[in-house]
Amino acid sequence: MDYDSEYRDQPDRRPDGRSRDEVWSKRVPAGKRTYFFDVKPTRSGEDFFITITESKRVDDTHYDKHKIFLYKEDFGKFVAAMLETVAFIQEECLPDYEFRGLPDLSGLEFDPYPDDYDD
């Protein structure tokens, strides 16, 4: 797959594939899907947030995209929930599967109701 072809029909993208308002981007190719972790400034330019985009190739010229917007006050909750979910799958669902590229999560303890989860 040609990286640029994924953004050919998107005028808000620069030639390097990044959005005009991104300050940092990480592309994670995963078969027919590509994940993008982008850091963007708020409208005021005084703060930042993360967008996580899943882009799935539908055919040679079309992509189905889904975005999550993640704000700084939720970073800890999000990362903790992600680690807890992956650890659960590793330990309870697929204990014999060799996960590649993951840190060792076996020693982590998770509090399902930490104080800072209050909304």
N, C-alpha and C. Protein backbone atom coordinates (compact mmCIF):
# COMPACT_ATOMS: atom_id res chain seq x y z
N MET A 1 0.84 -1.18 0.00
CA MET A 1 0.00 0.00 0.00
C MET A 1 0.89 1.24 0.00
N ASP A 2 0.55 2.17 -0.80
CA ASP A 2 1.24 3.45 -0.88
C ASP A 2 0.72 4.36 0.21
N TYR A 3 1.60 4.83 1.10
CA TYR A 3 1.22 5.67 2.23
C TYR A 3 0.46 6.91 1.76
N ASP A 4 0.96 7.55 0.72
CA ASP A 4 0.33 8.77 0.24
C ASP A 4 -1.05 8.52 -0.35
N SER A 5 -1.30 7.32 -0.89
CA SER A 5 -2.59 7.05 -1.51
C SER A 5 -3.71 7.10 -0.48
N GLU A 6 -3.39 6.84 0.78
CA GLU A 6 -4.40 6.87 1.82
C GLU A 6 -4.94 8.28 2.04
N TYR A 7 -4.15 9.29 1.66
CA TYR A 7 -4.53 10.68 1.90
C TYR A 7 -4.71 11.49 0.62
N ARG A 8 -4.68 10.84 -0.52
CA ARG A 8 -4.74 11.53 -1.80
C ARG A 8 -5.99 12.41 -1.91
N ASP A 9 -7.11 11.94 -1.37
CA ASP A 9 -8.37 12.68 -1.52
C ASP A 9 -8.68 13.56 -0.31
N GLN A 10 -7.66 13.86 0.52
CA GLN A 10 -7.90 14.66 1.72
C GLN A 10 -7.11 15.97 1.65
N PRO A 11 -7.77 17.07 1.32
CA PRO A 11 -7.08 18.34 1.15
C PRO A 11 -6.48 18.90 2.43
N ASP A 12 -6.94 18.42 3.61
CA ASP A 12 -6.39 18.93 4.85
C ASP A 12 -5.09 18.24 5.25
N ARG A 13 -4.58 17.37 4.40
CA ARG A 13 -3.34 16.65 4.68
C ARG A 13 -2.18 17.26 3.91
N ARG A 14 -1.00 17.25 4.52
CA ARG A 14 0.22 17.72 3.86
C ARG A 14 0.79 16.58 3.03
N PRO A 15 1.75 16.86 2.15
CA PRO A 15 2.34 15.80 1.33
C PRO A 15 2.96 14.67 2.14
N ASP A 16 3.43 14.95 3.38
CA ASP A 16 4.02 13.89 4.19
C ASP A 16 2.95 13.05 4.89
N GLY A 17 1.66 13.32 4.63
CA GLY A 17 0.57 12.56 5.21
C GLY A 17 0.02 13.12 6.49
N ARG A 18 0.74 14.07 7.12
CA ARG A 18 0.27 14.64 8.37
C ARG A 18 -0.77 15.71 8.12
N SER A 19 -1.64 15.87 9.08
CA SER A 19 -2.63 16.94 9.03
C SER A 19 -1.91 18.27 9.23
N ARG A 20 -2.47 19.33 8.70
CA ARG A 20 -1.83 20.65 8.82
C ARG A 20 -1.67 21.10 10.27
N ASP A 21 -2.56 20.64 11.15
CA ASP A 21 -2.48 21.11 12.54
C ASP A 21 -1.81 20.10 13.47
N GLU A 22 -1.21 19.05 12.96
CA GLU A 22 -0.51 18.09 13.82
C GLU A 22 0.85 18.62 14.22
N VAL A 23 1.22 18.34 15.46
CA VAL A 23 2.57 18.68 15.91
C VAL A 23 3.44 17.44 16.02
N TRP A 24 2.83 16.27 16.05
CA TRP A 24 3.56 15.00 16.10
C TRP A 24 2.63 13.90 15.64
N SER A 25 3.19 12.88 14.97
CA SER A 25 2.37 11.79 14.47
C SER A 25 3.15 10.49 14.50
N LYS A 26 2.47 9.41 14.86
CA LYS A 26 3.06 8.07 14.83
C LYS A 26 2.12 7.18 14.04
N ARG A 27 2.64 6.57 12.99
CA ARG A 27 1.88 5.68 12.12
C ARG A 27 2.21 4.25 12.49
N VAL A 28 1.16 3.41 12.68
CA VAL A 28 1.35 2.02 13.06
C VAL A 28 0.65 1.14 12.02
N PRO A 29 1.39 0.62 11.03
CA PRO A 29 0.78 -0.26 10.03
C PRO A 29 0.44 -1.60 10.66
N ALA A 30 -0.73 -2.14 10.32
CA ALA A 30 -1.18 -3.41 10.89
C ALA A 30 -2.04 -4.15 9.87
N GLY A 31 -1.42 -4.71 8.84
CA GLY A 31 -2.17 -5.43 7.81
C GLY A 31 -3.04 -4.48 7.01
N LYS A 32 -4.34 -4.78 6.93
CA LYS A 32 -5.26 -3.92 6.18
C LYS A 32 -5.64 -2.66 6.95
N ARG A 33 -5.21 -2.58 8.19
CA ARG A 33 -5.49 -1.41 9.02
C ARG A 33 -4.20 -0.64 9.26
N THR A 34 -4.38 0.65 9.47
CA THR A 34 -3.28 1.49 9.91
C THR A 34 -3.82 2.34 11.05
N TYR A 35 -3.04 2.45 12.11
CA TYR A 35 -3.41 3.28 13.24
C TYR A 35 -2.52 4.51 13.24
N PHE A 36 -3.10 5.65 13.55
CA PHE A 36 -2.36 6.90 13.63
C PHE A 36 -2.57 7.49 15.02
N PHE A 37 -1.49 7.85 15.67
CA PHE A 37 -1.53 8.55 16.94
C PHE A 37 -1.00 9.95 16.66
N ASP A 38 -1.87 10.93 16.73
CA ASP A 38 -1.51 12.30 16.36
C ASP A 38 -1.67 13.24 17.55
N VAL A 39 -0.71 14.12 17.73
CA VAL A 39 -0.80 15.17 18.75
C VAL A 39 -1.21 16.44 18.02
N LYS A 40 -2.27 17.07 18.52
CA LYS A 40 -2.78 18.28 17.88
C LYS A 40 -2.98 19.37 18.93
N PRO A 41 -2.85 20.62 18.52
CA PRO A 41 -3.12 21.72 19.46
C PRO A 41 -4.62 22.00 19.53
N THR A 42 -5.04 22.54 20.67
CA THR A 42 -6.42 23.00 20.78
C THR A 42 -6.56 24.27 19.95
N ARG A 43 -7.77 24.75 19.80
CA ARG A 43 -8.00 25.96 19.00
C ARG A 43 -7.22 27.16 19.53
N SER A 44 -7.08 27.23 20.85
CA SER A 44 -6.33 28.35 21.44
C SER A 44 -4.83 28.22 21.20
N GLY A 45 -4.38 27.00 20.91
CA GLY A 45 -2.97 26.76 20.72
C GLY A 45 -2.19 26.63 22.02
N GLU A 46 -2.90 26.69 23.14
CA GLU A 46 -2.24 26.65 24.44
C GLU A 46 -2.28 25.27 25.09
N ASP A 47 -2.93 24.32 24.46
CA ASP A 47 -3.04 22.98 25.02
C ASP A 47 -2.98 21.97 23.88
N PHE A 48 -2.94 20.69 24.22
CA PHE A 48 -2.81 19.65 23.21
C PHE A 48 -3.71 18.47 23.54
N PHE A 49 -4.06 17.70 22.52
CA PHE A 49 -4.83 16.48 22.70
C PHE A 49 -4.33 15.45 21.70
N ILE A 50 -4.78 14.21 21.86
CA ILE A 50 -4.38 13.11 20.99
C ILE A 50 -5.58 12.67 20.18
N THR A 51 -5.37 12.41 18.90
CA THR A 51 -6.38 11.70 18.13
C THR A 51 -5.79 10.35 17.77
N ILE A 52 -6.60 9.33 17.93
CA ILE A 52 -6.23 7.97 17.54
C ILE A 52 -7.17 7.61 16.40
N THR A 53 -6.59 7.32 15.26
CA THR A 53 -7.38 7.01 14.08
C THR A 53 -7.10 5.59 13.62
N GLU A 54 -8.16 4.84 13.39
CA GLU A 54 -8.04 3.54 12.74
C GLU A 54 -8.48 3.75 11.30
N SER A 55 -7.61 3.41 10.37
CA SER A 55 -7.91 3.53 8.95
C SER A 55 -7.87 2.13 8.36
N LYS A 56 -8.99 1.70 7.81
CA LYS A 56 -9.10 0.36 7.25
C LYS A 56 -9.37 0.47 5.75
N ARG A 57 -8.53 -0.20 4.98
CA ARG A 57 -8.69 -0.15 3.52
C ARG A 57 -9.95 -0.93 3.13
N VAL A 58 -10.84 -0.26 2.39
CA VAL A 58 -12.07 -0.87 1.91
C VAL A 58 -11.84 -1.44 0.51
N ASP A 59 -11.20 -0.65 -0.33
CA ASP A 59 -10.80 -1.09 -1.66
C ASP A 59 -9.55 -0.30 -2.05
N ASP A 60 -9.17 -0.35 -3.31
CA ASP A 60 -7.92 0.30 -3.73
C ASP A 60 -7.88 1.81 -3.52
N THR A 61 -9.03 2.45 -3.45
CA THR A 61 -9.04 3.92 -3.34
C THR A 61 -9.82 4.45 -2.15
N HIS A 62 -10.46 3.58 -1.36
CA HIS A 62 -11.30 4.06 -0.27
C HIS A 62 -10.88 3.46 1.08
N TYR A 63 -11.02 4.29 2.12
CA TYR A 63 -10.68 3.88 3.47
C TYR A 63 -11.82 4.22 4.42
N ASP A 64 -12.07 3.33 5.35
CA ASP A 64 -13.04 3.55 6.41
C ASP A 64 -12.25 4.01 7.62
N LYS A 65 -12.60 5.17 8.19
CA LYS A 65 -11.82 5.74 9.28
C LYS A 65 -12.69 5.97 10.51
N HIS A 66 -12.07 5.72 11.66
CA HIS A 66 -12.72 5.96 12.94
C HIS A 66 -11.72 6.68 13.83
N LYS A 67 -12.21 7.72 14.53
CA LYS A 67 -11.32 8.53 15.37
C LYS A 67 -11.78 8.54 16.82
N ILE A 68 -10.78 8.61 17.69
CA ILE A 68 -11.00 8.84 19.11
C ILE A 68 -10.22 10.10 19.46
N PHE A 69 -10.86 11.01 20.18
CA PHE A 69 -10.20 12.21 20.65
C PHE A 69 -9.93 12.02 22.14
N LEU A 70 -8.68 12.16 22.53
CA LEU A 70 -8.28 11.90 23.90
C LEU A 70 -7.64 13.16 24.49
N TYR A 71 -8.23 13.64 25.58
CA TYR A 71 -7.78 14.88 26.20
C TYR A 71 -6.92 14.59 27.43
N LYS A 72 -6.03 15.50 27.77
CA LYS A 72 -5.01 15.29 28.79
C LYS A 72 -5.57 14.80 30.12
N GLU A 73 -6.74 15.28 30.52
CA GLU A 73 -7.32 14.86 31.79
C GLU A 73 -7.73 13.39 31.80
N ASP A 74 -7.79 12.78 30.60
CA ASP A 74 -8.18 11.37 30.50
C ASP A 74 -7.02 10.44 30.12
N PHE A 75 -5.81 10.97 29.92
CA PHE A 75 -4.68 10.13 29.51
C PHE A 75 -4.47 8.97 30.48
N GLY A 76 -4.40 9.27 31.77
CA GLY A 76 -4.13 8.23 32.77
C GLY A 76 -5.20 7.15 32.76
N LYS A 77 -6.47 7.56 32.74
CA LYS A 77 -7.57 6.61 32.73
C LYS A 77 -7.51 5.71 31.50
N PHE A 78 -7.23 6.33 30.36
CA PHE A 78 -7.20 5.60 29.09
C PHE A 78 -6.06 4.58 29.08
N VAL A 79 -4.85 5.03 29.43
CA VAL A 79 -3.68 4.14 29.42
C VAL A 79 -3.86 3.03 30.44
N ALA A 80 -4.35 3.35 31.64
CA ALA A 80 -4.57 2.32 32.66
C ALA A 80 -5.58 1.28 32.18
N ALA A 81 -6.67 1.74 31.58
CA ALA A 81 -7.69 0.81 31.09
C ALA A 81 -7.15 -0.05 29.95
N MET A 82 -6.35 0.55 29.07
CA MET A 82 -5.75 -0.21 27.97
C MET A 82 -4.81 -1.29 28.50
N LEU A 83 -3.92 -0.92 29.42
CA LEU A 83 -3.00 -1.90 30.00
C LEU A 83 -3.75 -3.00 30.74
N GLU A 84 -4.76 -2.63 31.50
CA GLU A 84 -5.55 -3.62 32.23
C GLU A 84 -6.26 -4.57 31.28
N THR A 85 -6.79 -4.06 30.20
CA THR A 85 -7.48 -4.88 29.22
C THR A 85 -6.53 -5.85 28.53
N VAL A 86 -5.37 -5.36 28.13
CA VAL A 86 -4.37 -6.22 27.48
C VAL A 86 -3.87 -7.28 28.46
N ALA A 87 -3.60 -6.89 29.71
CA ALA A 87 -3.14 -7.85 30.72
C ALA A 87 -4.19 -8.94 30.93
N PHE A 88 -5.47 -8.56 30.97
CA PHE A 88 -6.55 -9.54 31.14
C PHE A 88 -6.55 -10.54 29.99
N ILE A 89 -6.44 -10.03 28.77
CA ILE A 89 -6.42 -10.93 27.61
C ILE A 89 -5.21 -11.85 27.67
N GLN A 90 -4.04 -11.30 28.02
CA GLN A 90 -2.82 -12.11 28.11
C GLN A 90 -2.96 -13.20 29.17
N GLU A 91 -3.46 -12.85 30.33
CA GLU A 91 -3.48 -13.78 31.46
C GLU A 91 -4.68 -14.72 31.45
N GLU A 92 -5.85 -14.22 31.08
CA GLU A 92 -7.08 -15.00 31.22
C GLU A 92 -7.59 -15.62 29.92
N CYS A 93 -7.42 -14.91 28.83
CA CYS A 93 -8.02 -15.38 27.57
C CYS A 93 -7.03 -16.15 26.70
N LEU A 94 -5.80 -15.66 26.59
CA LEU A 94 -4.82 -16.26 25.68
C LEU A 94 -3.46 -16.45 26.38
N PRO A 95 -3.43 -17.21 27.48
CA PRO A 95 -2.18 -17.33 28.23
C PRO A 95 -1.04 -18.01 27.46
N ASP A 96 -1.35 -18.79 26.46
CA ASP A 96 -0.32 -19.50 25.70
C ASP A 96 0.11 -18.77 24.43
N TYR A 97 -0.54 -17.66 24.13
CA TYR A 97 -0.19 -16.90 22.92
C TYR A 97 1.03 -16.04 23.20
N GLU A 98 1.94 -15.99 22.24
CA GLU A 98 3.14 -15.15 22.40
C GLU A 98 2.87 -13.77 21.80
N PHE A 99 2.57 -12.81 22.65
CA PHE A 99 2.35 -11.44 22.21
C PHE A 99 3.71 -10.82 21.92
N ARG A 100 3.85 -10.22 20.76
CA ARG A 100 5.13 -9.60 20.37
C ARG A 100 5.05 -8.08 20.53
N GLY A 101 6.13 -7.50 21.00
CA GLY A 101 6.22 -6.05 21.09
C GLY A 101 5.54 -5.44 22.29
N LEU A 102 5.06 -6.26 23.22
CA LEU A 102 4.41 -5.73 24.42
C LEU A 102 5.36 -5.76 25.60
N PRO A 103 5.27 -4.76 26.47
CA PRO A 103 6.05 -4.84 27.70
C PRO A 103 5.45 -5.92 28.60
N ASP A 104 6.22 -6.39 29.56
CA ASP A 104 5.72 -7.38 30.51
C ASP A 104 4.71 -6.72 31.43
N LEU A 105 3.47 -7.15 31.37
CA LEU A 105 2.40 -6.57 32.17
C LEU A 105 2.04 -7.45 33.36
N SER A 106 2.72 -8.59 33.51
CA SER A 106 2.32 -9.56 34.53
C SER A 106 2.46 -9.03 35.96
N GLY A 107 3.38 -8.12 36.20
CA GLY A 107 3.56 -7.62 37.56
C GLY A 107 2.70 -6.42 37.90
N LEU A 108 1.96 -5.92 36.95
CA LEU A 108 1.15 -4.72 37.20
C LEU A 108 -0.10 -5.07 37.99
N GLU A 109 -0.42 -4.20 38.92
CA GLU A 109 -1.67 -4.36 39.66
C GLU A 109 -2.57 -3.20 39.27
N PHE A 110 -3.84 -3.50 39.13
CA PHE A 110 -4.79 -2.48 38.69
C PHE A 110 -5.88 -2.29 39.72
N ASP A 111 -6.17 -1.04 40.00
CA ASP A 111 -7.27 -0.69 40.88
C ASP A 111 -8.45 -0.34 39.98
N PRO A 112 -9.50 -1.18 39.98
CA PRO A 112 -10.62 -0.90 39.08
C PRO A 112 -11.38 0.38 39.40
N TYR A 113 -11.19 0.93 40.61
CA TYR A 113 -11.91 2.13 41.01
C TYR A 113 -10.98 3.16 41.64
N PRO A 114 -9.95 3.62 40.91
CA PRO A 114 -9.07 4.63 41.51
C PRO A 114 -9.82 5.93 41.75
N ASP A 115 -9.32 6.69 42.71
CA ASP A 115 -9.97 7.94 43.10
C ASP A 115 -10.14 8.92 41.95
N ASP A 116 -9.15 8.96 41.03
CA ASP A 116 -9.21 9.97 39.97
C ASP A 116 -10.13 9.58 38.82
N TYR A 117 -10.88 8.50 38.95
CA TYR A 117 -11.81 8.10 37.89
C TYR A 117 -13.15 8.82 38.03
N ASP A 118 -13.33 9.57 39.11
CA ASP A 118 -14.59 10.27 39.29
C ASP A 118 -14.78 11.30 38.19
N ASP A 119 -15.97 11.36 37.67
CA ASP A 119 -16.27 12.32 36.60
C ASP A 119 -16.87 13.58 37.14
